[in-house]
Protein backbone atom coordinates (compact mmCIF):
# COMPACT_ATOMS: atom_id res chain seq x y z
CA GLN A 1 13.05 32.64 21.02
CA SER A 2 11.10 30.15 23.05
CA ASN A 3 9.12 27.34 21.51
CA ASP A 4 5.37 27.53 21.87
CA SER A 5 4.09 24.12 22.91
CA SER A 6 0.62 24.82 21.49
CA HIS A 7 1.98 25.03 17.94
CA PRO A 8 2.16 21.59 16.28
CA HIS A 9 5.73 22.17 15.06
CA GLY A 10 6.99 23.92 18.19
CA SER A 11 7.61 27.22 16.39
CA SER A 12 5.97 30.57 17.11
CA ASP A 13 7.96 32.86 14.85
CA GLY A 14 5.10 33.80 12.55
CA GLU A 15 6.15 31.54 9.69
CA ASP A 16 2.93 29.56 9.86
CA LYS A 17 2.11 28.03 6.53
CA GLU A 18 -1.42 28.17 5.27
CA GLU A 19 -3.18 24.85 5.08
CA LYS A 20 -3.53 23.68 1.53
CA GLY A 21 -6.74 22.26 0.22
CA ASP A 22 -7.18 18.84 -1.28
CA SER A 23 -4.95 18.33 -4.29
CA PRO A 24 -6.44 17.08 -7.55
CA TYR A 25 -3.86 14.28 -7.58
CA GLY A 26 -4.91 13.08 -4.11
CA LEU A 27 -8.59 13.27 -5.01
CA ALA A 28 -7.93 11.34 -8.22
CA LEU A 29 -6.12 8.62 -6.24
CA LEU A 30 -9.01 8.45 -3.77
CA GLY A 31 -11.53 8.21 -6.61
CA LEU A 32 -9.49 5.50 -8.33
CA SER A 33 -9.24 3.56 -5.08
CA LEU A 34 -13.01 3.70 -4.53
CA PHE A 35 -13.68 2.74 -8.15
CA MET A 36 -11.33 -0.25 -7.98
CA ASP A 37 -12.88 -1.33 -4.67
CA GLY A 38 -16.31 -1.38 -6.29
CA LEU A 39 -14.97 -3.17 -9.36
CA LEU A 40 -13.29 -5.79 -7.18
CA GLY A 41 -16.58 -6.50 -5.40
CA ALA A 42 -18.32 -7.07 -8.72
CA CYS A 43 -15.51 -9.31 -9.97
CA GLN A 44 -15.48 -11.35 -6.77
CA SER A 45 -19.19 -12.11 -7.03
CA THR A 46 -18.62 -13.30 -10.62
CA LEU A 47 -15.68 -15.46 -9.56
CA LYS A 48 -17.59 -17.03 -6.71
CA GLN A 49 -20.35 -18.40 -8.92
CA THR A 50 -20.31 -22.17 -9.41
CA HIS A 51 -19.17 -22.96 -12.94
CA HIS A 52 -20.16 -26.08 -14.86
CA SER A 53 -17.96 -27.16 -17.73
CA SER A 54 -19.99 -27.87 -20.85
CA SER A 55 -17.45 -30.36 -22.26
CA SER A 56 -17.38 -32.54 -19.14
CA SER A 57 -19.26 -33.09 -15.95
CA THR A 58 -16.65 -31.19 -13.91
CA THR A 59 -17.99 -28.61 -11.50
CA PHE A 60 -15.64 -25.92 -10.26
CA ARG A 61 -16.18 -24.74 -6.72
CA PRO A 62 -15.90 -21.04 -5.97
CA PRO A 63 -12.78 -19.94 -4.11
CA SER A 64 -13.07 -19.38 -0.38
CA ALA A 65 -12.53 -15.92 1.10
CA MET A 66 -9.03 -16.88 2.20
CA GLU A 67 -8.13 -18.20 -1.26
CA THR A 68 -9.44 -15.02 -2.85
CA MET A 69 -7.31 -12.85 -0.54
CA LEU A 70 -4.28 -15.04 -1.19
CA TYR A 71 -4.60 -14.81 -4.97
CA ILE A 72 -5.22 -11.05 -4.90
CA ASN A 73 -2.12 -10.53 -2.74
CA LEU A 74 -0.01 -12.80 -4.98
CA TYR A 75 -1.08 -10.93 -8.11
CA ALA A 76 -0.49 -7.58 -6.40
CA THR A 77 3.00 -8.74 -5.42
CA LEU A 78 3.73 -9.77 -9.01
CA ILE A 79 2.74 -6.29 -10.17
CA LEU A 80 4.13 -4.15 -7.34
CA ILE A 81 7.63 -5.62 -7.05
CA PRO A 82 8.60 -4.66 -10.62
CA CYS A 83 6.91 -1.25 -10.19
CA SER A 84 8.81 -0.55 -6.97
CA TYR A 85 12.06 -1.64 -8.60
CA TYR A 86 11.43 0.71 -11.54
CA ALA A 87 10.59 3.58 -9.15
CA GLY A 88 13.74 2.96 -7.14
CA GLN A 89 11.89 2.10 -3.94
CA PHE A 90 12.71 -1.61 -3.92
CA GLN A 91 16.33 -1.11 -2.90
CA HIS A 92 15.35 1.36 -0.17
CA GLY A 93 12.76 -1.09 1.21
CA MET A 94 15.21 -3.98 1.20
CA SER A 95 17.81 -1.87 3.01
CA MET A 96 15.21 -1.12 5.68
CA LEU A 97 14.21 -4.78 6.01
CA PHE A 98 17.76 -6.12 5.99
CA PRO A 99 20.06 -3.41 7.34
CA SER A 100 23.78 -3.95 7.00
CA THR A 101 25.88 -4.61 10.07
CA ASP A 102 27.42 -1.13 9.71
CA THR A 103 24.00 0.47 10.03
CA ILE A 104 23.16 -1.62 13.11
CA ALA A 105 26.50 -0.76 14.74
CA ASN A 106 26.03 2.96 14.01
CA THR A 107 22.52 2.91 15.46
CA GLN A 108 23.68 1.14 18.62
CA ALA A 109 26.59 3.56 19.02
CA GLU A 110 24.23 6.55 18.73
CA ASN A 111 21.88 5.13 21.37
CA THR A 112 24.65 4.66 23.97
């Protein structure tokens, strides 16, 4: 059998799979993402208001855009590292970031 270059997977043997529609899980994740994006915008506008302390004359300045991004990323890191460890993805990610010398040697041997 010869491969058909017009087929995305290079196969022309009639085993074409039907395209699946959008899954409810994917649509739920998309909806959650859009909802959280809207919620974040509302929270940021509240955070960026100038606050006056009633007990003293201290005025708190709103965080800059860079500070807001920094704090959001720090809080996300605090949440996502334990979640990735629980899901078993932390070890896989670390092995990709810091491959062992055996993995590097095997990769170099395969490329030569």
